[in-house]
C-alpha cells in the first residue's frame, strides 16, 4: 500500500529535477497519520523561492503523473515563503499541525 511519505518523495524528486528553487513540502490535513485515505486528498504546500505562471504549468503534469502512478488524489498549494504567510488560513493550519519534508522528501522535526 502506498504511503504519504512515498508520495512526497516522488513529488520532491520531480520538483528537484525541474526547479532549482524548490525548498520543500508541508503535509497537513487528514493524511497527517501517514496513511492514504480513500475519500481524502493528500493536502500539501510546496515552497519555492520564486512564483511565476510557467512554473505552475510545469507543476501540474508532475502531480498528475504521481496521482495516476500511485492511485492517490493530491491537493497541492504552490507558494513562495512570502505568499504562504499571506494565506493566513492555510498558513496557520499548517504551522499548527503540519509536517515539513525537505527538498529531498525527508521528514524534518520541528525546531
N, C-alpha and C. Protein backbone atom coordinates (compact mmCIF):
# COMPACT_ATOMS: atom_id res chain seq x y z
N UNK A 1 0.84 -1.19 0.00
CA UNK A 1 0.00 0.00 0.00
C UNK A 1 0.89 1.26 0.00
N UNK A 2 0.49 2.22 -0.76
CA UNK A 2 1.22 3.48 -0.88
C UNK A 2 1.12 4.28 0.42
N UNK A 3 2.24 4.89 0.83
CA UNK A 3 2.22 5.77 2.00
C UNK A 3 2.38 7.22 1.55
N UNK A 4 1.99 8.12 2.42
CA UNK A 4 2.13 9.55 2.13
C UNK A 4 3.61 9.90 1.95
N UNK A 5 4.50 9.31 2.74
CA UNK A 5 5.94 9.58 2.61
C UNK A 5 6.43 9.24 1.21
N UNK A 6 5.95 8.12 0.65
CA UNK A 6 6.35 7.73 -0.70
C UNK A 6 5.86 8.74 -1.73
N UNK A 7 4.64 9.22 -1.55
CA UNK A 7 4.08 10.21 -2.48
C UNK A 7 4.91 11.49 -2.44
N UNK A 8 5.24 11.94 -1.23
CA UNK A 8 6.00 13.18 -1.08
C UNK A 8 7.41 13.02 -1.65
N UNK A 9 8.03 11.88 -1.43
CA UNK A 9 9.38 11.66 -2.01
C UNK A 9 9.32 11.71 -3.53
N UNK A 10 8.29 11.13 -4.10
CA UNK A 10 8.15 11.10 -5.57
C UNK A 10 7.93 12.50 -6.14
N UNK A 11 7.08 13.30 -5.47
CA UNK A 11 6.85 14.68 -5.91
C UNK A 11 8.14 15.48 -5.77
N UNK A 12 8.82 15.33 -4.65
CA UNK A 12 10.06 16.07 -4.40
C UNK A 12 11.10 15.75 -5.47
N UNK A 13 11.21 14.49 -5.84
CA UNK A 13 12.16 14.09 -6.88
C UNK A 13 11.83 14.81 -8.19
N UNK A 14 10.56 14.83 -8.56
CA UNK A 14 10.14 15.50 -9.79
C UNK A 14 10.39 17.00 -9.74
N UNK A 15 10.07 17.63 -8.61
CA UNK A 15 10.27 19.07 -8.47
C UNK A 15 11.76 19.41 -8.50
N UNK A 16 12.59 18.63 -7.83
CA UNK A 16 14.03 18.89 -7.82
C UNK A 16 14.64 18.77 -9.21
N UNK A 17 14.10 17.88 -10.02
CA UNK A 17 14.60 17.68 -11.38
C UNK A 17 14.38 18.91 -12.25
N UNK A 18 13.26 19.60 -12.03
CA UNK A 18 12.88 20.73 -12.88
C UNK A 18 13.19 22.10 -12.26
N UNK A 19 13.03 22.22 -10.94
CA UNK A 19 13.11 23.54 -10.29
C UNK A 19 14.33 23.65 -9.38
N UNK A 20 15.16 24.68 -9.62
CA UNK A 20 16.30 24.95 -8.75
C UNK A 20 15.87 25.58 -7.42
N UNK A 21 14.68 26.19 -7.40
CA UNK A 21 14.27 26.96 -6.23
C UNK A 21 13.25 26.23 -5.34
N UNK A 22 13.09 24.93 -5.53
CA UNK A 22 12.19 24.14 -4.68
C UNK A 22 12.82 23.97 -3.31
N UNK A 23 12.06 24.24 -2.25
CA UNK A 23 12.61 24.21 -0.88
C UNK A 23 12.04 23.09 -0.01
N UNK A 24 10.85 22.60 -0.34
CA UNK A 24 10.28 21.53 0.46
C UNK A 24 8.77 21.53 0.42
N UNK A 25 8.19 20.59 1.17
CA UNK A 25 6.74 20.38 1.16
C UNK A 25 6.24 20.25 2.59
N UNK A 26 5.12 20.91 2.86
CA UNK A 26 4.41 20.71 4.12
C UNK A 26 3.22 19.78 3.87
N UNK A 27 3.04 18.82 4.74
CA UNK A 27 1.87 17.95 4.74
C UNK A 27 0.93 18.43 5.83
N UNK A 28 -0.36 18.51 5.51
CA UNK A 28 -1.35 18.86 6.53
C UNK A 28 -2.65 18.15 6.20
N UNK A 29 -3.62 18.25 7.10
CA UNK A 29 -4.93 17.66 6.84
C UNK A 29 -5.03 16.21 7.26
N UNK A 30 -5.95 15.49 6.64
CA UNK A 30 -6.32 14.14 7.05
C UNK A 30 -5.19 13.12 6.93
N UNK A 31 -4.21 13.38 6.09
CA UNK A 31 -3.14 12.40 5.86
C UNK A 31 -1.95 12.55 6.82
N UNK A 32 -2.10 13.37 7.84
CA UNK A 32 -1.01 13.55 8.80
C UNK A 32 -0.60 12.25 9.49
N UNK A 33 -1.49 11.27 9.48
CA UNK A 33 -1.17 9.97 10.09
C UNK A 33 -0.27 9.12 9.19
N UNK A 34 0.06 9.65 8.00
CA UNK A 34 0.96 8.94 7.09
C UNK A 34 0.25 7.97 6.17
N UNK A 35 -1.04 7.85 6.32
CA UNK A 35 -1.82 6.91 5.51
C UNK A 35 -2.54 7.64 4.37
N UNK A 36 -2.71 6.95 3.27
CA UNK A 36 -3.52 7.45 2.17
C UNK A 36 -4.95 7.01 2.45
N UNK A 37 -5.87 7.99 2.54
CA UNK A 37 -7.27 7.70 2.82
C UNK A 37 -8.07 7.78 1.53
N UNK A 38 -8.87 6.77 1.29
CA UNK A 38 -9.57 6.64 0.01
C UNK A 38 -10.41 7.86 -0.36
N UNK A 39 -11.11 8.46 0.59
CA UNK A 39 -12.00 9.57 0.28
C UNK A 39 -11.41 10.93 0.61
N UNK A 40 -10.10 11.01 0.86
CA UNK A 40 -9.46 12.26 1.24
C UNK A 40 -8.29 12.57 0.30
N UNK A 41 -8.14 13.85 -0.03
CA UNK A 41 -6.96 14.29 -0.78
C UNK A 41 -5.76 14.34 0.16
N UNK A 42 -4.58 14.16 -0.40
CA UNK A 42 -3.35 14.42 0.35
C UNK A 42 -3.09 15.91 0.19
N UNK A 43 -3.17 16.65 1.29
CA UNK A 43 -3.05 18.10 1.23
C UNK A 43 -1.60 18.51 1.47
N UNK A 44 -1.05 19.25 0.49
CA UNK A 44 0.36 19.63 0.52
C UNK A 44 0.54 21.10 0.18
N UNK A 45 1.55 21.71 0.78
CA UNK A 45 2.01 23.04 0.41
C UNK A 45 3.45 22.88 -0.06
N UNK A 46 3.73 23.28 -1.30
CA UNK A 46 5.10 23.24 -1.83
C UNK A 46 5.68 24.65 -1.78
N UNK A 47 6.92 24.75 -1.27
CA UNK A 47 7.56 26.05 -1.11
C UNK A 47 8.66 26.22 -2.16
N UNK A 48 8.59 27.35 -2.87
CA UNK A 48 9.57 27.72 -3.88
C UNK A 48 10.09 29.12 -3.57
N UNK A 49 11.27 29.46 -4.08
CA UNK A 49 11.79 30.81 -3.91
C UNK A 49 11.06 31.81 -4.80
N UNK A 50 10.65 31.36 -5.99
CA UNK A 50 10.01 32.25 -6.96
C UNK A 50 8.67 31.68 -7.40
N UNK A 51 7.76 32.59 -7.75
CA UNK A 51 6.45 32.17 -8.24
C UNK A 51 6.21 32.80 -9.60
N UNK A 52 5.92 31.99 -10.58
CA UNK A 52 5.56 32.52 -11.89
C UNK A 52 4.63 31.52 -12.59
N UNK A 53 3.93 32.01 -13.60
CA UNK A 53 2.94 31.19 -14.27
C UNK A 53 3.54 29.97 -14.97
N UNK A 54 4.75 30.11 -15.51
CA UNK A 54 5.34 28.98 -16.22
C UNK A 54 5.62 27.83 -15.24
N UNK A 55 5.96 28.17 -14.01
CA UNK A 55 6.20 27.13 -13.00
C UNK A 55 4.91 26.35 -12.74
N UNK A 56 3.81 27.06 -12.62
CA UNK A 56 2.53 26.39 -12.36
C UNK A 56 2.20 25.40 -13.49
N UNK A 57 2.52 25.76 -14.71
CA UNK A 57 2.26 24.87 -15.84
C UNK A 57 3.14 23.62 -15.79
N UNK A 58 4.32 23.72 -15.18
CA UNK A 58 5.22 22.57 -15.06
C UNK A 58 4.89 21.69 -13.85
N UNK A 59 4.27 22.29 -12.84
CA UNK A 59 3.94 21.55 -11.62
C UNK A 59 2.86 20.49 -11.88
N UNK A 60 1.80 20.88 -12.57
CA UNK A 60 0.62 20.01 -12.66
C UNK A 60 0.85 18.70 -13.39
N UNK A 61 1.68 18.65 -14.44
CA UNK A 61 1.96 17.33 -15.03
C UNK A 61 2.68 16.37 -14.06
N UNK A 62 3.54 16.93 -13.21
CA UNK A 62 4.23 16.09 -12.21
C UNK A 62 3.21 15.53 -11.22
N UNK A 63 2.34 16.41 -10.72
CA UNK A 63 1.31 15.97 -9.76
C UNK A 63 0.39 14.95 -10.42
N UNK A 64 -0.02 15.21 -11.64
CA UNK A 64 -0.91 14.28 -12.35
C UNK A 64 -0.28 12.91 -12.53
N UNK A 65 1.00 12.86 -12.86
CA UNK A 65 1.69 11.58 -13.03
C UNK A 65 1.76 10.82 -11.71
N UNK A 66 2.09 11.52 -10.63
CA UNK A 66 2.15 10.87 -9.32
C UNK A 66 0.76 10.35 -8.93
N UNK A 67 -0.26 11.15 -9.16
CA UNK A 67 -1.63 10.72 -8.83
C UNK A 67 -2.00 9.45 -9.60
N UNK A 68 -1.69 9.43 -10.89
CA UNK A 68 -2.02 8.28 -11.73
C UNK A 68 -1.20 7.06 -11.34
N UNK A 69 0.12 7.23 -11.22
CA UNK A 69 1.00 6.10 -10.93
C UNK A 69 0.76 5.50 -9.55
N UNK A 70 0.40 6.35 -8.58
CA UNK A 70 0.30 5.89 -7.19
C UNK A 70 -1.16 5.77 -6.72
N UNK A 71 -2.11 6.07 -7.61
CA UNK A 71 -3.53 5.98 -7.31
C UNK A 71 -3.92 6.77 -6.06
N UNK A 72 -3.55 8.06 -6.08
CA UNK A 72 -3.88 8.97 -4.98
C UNK A 72 -4.46 10.25 -5.56
N UNK A 73 -5.04 11.07 -4.70
CA UNK A 73 -5.52 12.39 -5.09
C UNK A 73 -4.76 13.42 -4.26
N UNK A 74 -4.16 14.39 -4.93
CA UNK A 74 -3.30 15.37 -4.27
C UNK A 74 -3.90 16.75 -4.43
N UNK A 75 -3.95 17.48 -3.33
CA UNK A 75 -4.37 18.88 -3.33
C UNK A 75 -3.13 19.68 -2.97
N UNK A 76 -2.50 20.27 -3.99
CA UNK A 76 -1.21 20.95 -3.80
C UNK A 76 -1.37 22.46 -3.92
N UNK A 77 -0.78 23.17 -2.98
CA UNK A 77 -0.75 24.63 -2.99
C UNK A 77 0.70 25.07 -3.18
N UNK A 78 1.07 25.59 -4.36
CA UNK A 78 2.44 26.09 -4.54
C UNK A 78 2.55 27.53 -4.06
N UNK A 79 3.54 27.81 -3.24
CA UNK A 79 3.75 29.15 -2.68
C UNK A 79 5.23 29.49 -2.63
N UNK A 80 5.51 30.79 -2.54
CA UNK A 80 6.80 31.24 -2.02
C UNK A 80 6.59 31.37 -0.51
N UNK A 81 7.66 31.52 0.26
CA UNK A 81 7.50 31.67 1.70
C UNK A 81 6.63 32.90 2.02
N UNK A 82 6.78 33.96 1.24
CA UNK A 82 6.02 35.20 1.47
C UNK A 82 4.53 35.01 1.16
N UNK A 83 4.22 34.41 0.00
CA UNK A 83 2.80 34.23 -0.34
C UNK A 83 2.14 33.22 0.58
N UNK A 84 2.91 32.26 1.07
CA UNK A 84 2.39 31.28 2.02
C UNK A 84 1.93 31.99 3.30
N UNK A 85 2.74 32.86 3.82
CA UNK A 85 2.40 33.58 5.06
C UNK A 85 1.18 34.48 4.86
N UNK A 86 0.97 34.96 3.63
CA UNK A 86 -0.16 35.84 3.35
C UNK A 86 -1.49 35.08 3.32
N UNK A 87 -1.46 33.78 3.05
CA UNK A 87 -2.68 32.95 3.04
C UNK A 87 -2.90 32.44 4.46
N UNK A 88 -3.43 33.32 5.32
CA UNK A 88 -3.45 33.07 6.76
C UNK A 88 -4.14 31.78 7.17
N UNK A 89 -5.26 31.44 6.54
CA UNK A 89 -5.99 30.24 6.94
C UNK A 89 -5.14 28.98 6.78
N UNK A 90 -4.58 28.80 5.62
CA UNK A 90 -3.74 27.62 5.37
C UNK A 90 -2.45 27.71 6.18
N UNK A 91 -1.83 28.87 6.20
CA UNK A 91 -0.57 29.04 6.93
C UNK A 91 -0.73 28.66 8.40
N UNK A 92 -1.78 29.18 9.03
CA UNK A 92 -1.98 28.88 10.46
C UNK A 92 -2.23 27.40 10.70
N UNK A 93 -3.03 26.77 9.85
CA UNK A 93 -3.30 25.34 10.00
C UNK A 93 -2.01 24.53 9.83
N UNK A 94 -1.24 24.86 8.81
CA UNK A 94 0.00 24.12 8.53
C UNK A 94 1.01 24.33 9.65
N UNK A 95 1.15 25.55 10.13
CA UNK A 95 2.13 25.83 11.18
C UNK A 95 1.73 25.16 12.50
N UNK A 96 0.44 25.00 12.70
CA UNK A 96 -0.04 24.39 13.94
C UNK A 96 0.15 22.88 13.96
N UNK A 97 -0.17 22.23 12.84
CA UNK A 97 -0.16 20.77 12.86
C UNK A 97 0.62 20.11 11.73
N UNK A 98 1.11 20.89 10.78
CA UNK A 98 1.75 20.33 9.60
C UNK A 98 3.12 19.72 9.87
N UNK A 99 3.54 18.89 8.92
CA UNK A 99 4.85 18.24 8.96
C UNK A 99 5.64 18.73 7.75
N UNK A 100 6.90 19.14 7.96
CA UNK A 100 7.73 19.63 6.86
C UNK A 100 8.64 18.53 6.34
N UNK A 101 8.70 18.41 5.02
CA UNK A 101 9.60 17.50 4.33
C UNK A 101 10.59 18.36 3.55
N UNK A 102 11.88 18.10 3.69
CA UNK A 102 12.88 18.92 2.99
C UNK A 102 12.83 18.64 1.49
N UNK A 103 13.68 19.32 0.75
CA UNK A 103 13.63 19.21 -0.72
C UNK A 103 13.92 17.80 -1.22
N UNK A 104 14.52 16.96 -0.39
CA UNK A 104 14.76 15.56 -0.76
C UNK A 104 13.57 14.68 -0.40
N UNK A 105 12.55 15.26 0.20
CA UNK A 105 11.36 14.50 0.57
C UNK A 105 11.49 13.77 1.89
N UNK A 106 12.42 14.23 2.74
CA UNK A 106 12.63 13.60 4.04
C UNK A 106 12.01 14.46 5.13
N UNK A 107 11.32 13.79 6.06
CA UNK A 107 10.64 14.46 7.15
C UNK A 107 11.65 15.16 8.05
N UNK A 108 11.33 16.41 8.44
CA UNK A 108 12.19 17.13 9.36
C UNK A 108 11.42 17.39 10.65
N UNK A 109 12.11 17.27 11.75
CA UNK A 109 11.48 17.54 13.05
C UNK A 109 11.35 19.03 13.26
N UNK A 110 10.28 19.42 13.95
CA UNK A 110 10.09 20.84 14.24
C UNK A 110 11.14 21.32 15.20
N UNK A 111 11.58 22.54 14.97
CA UNK A 111 12.61 23.12 15.82
C UNK A 111 11.97 23.84 16.97
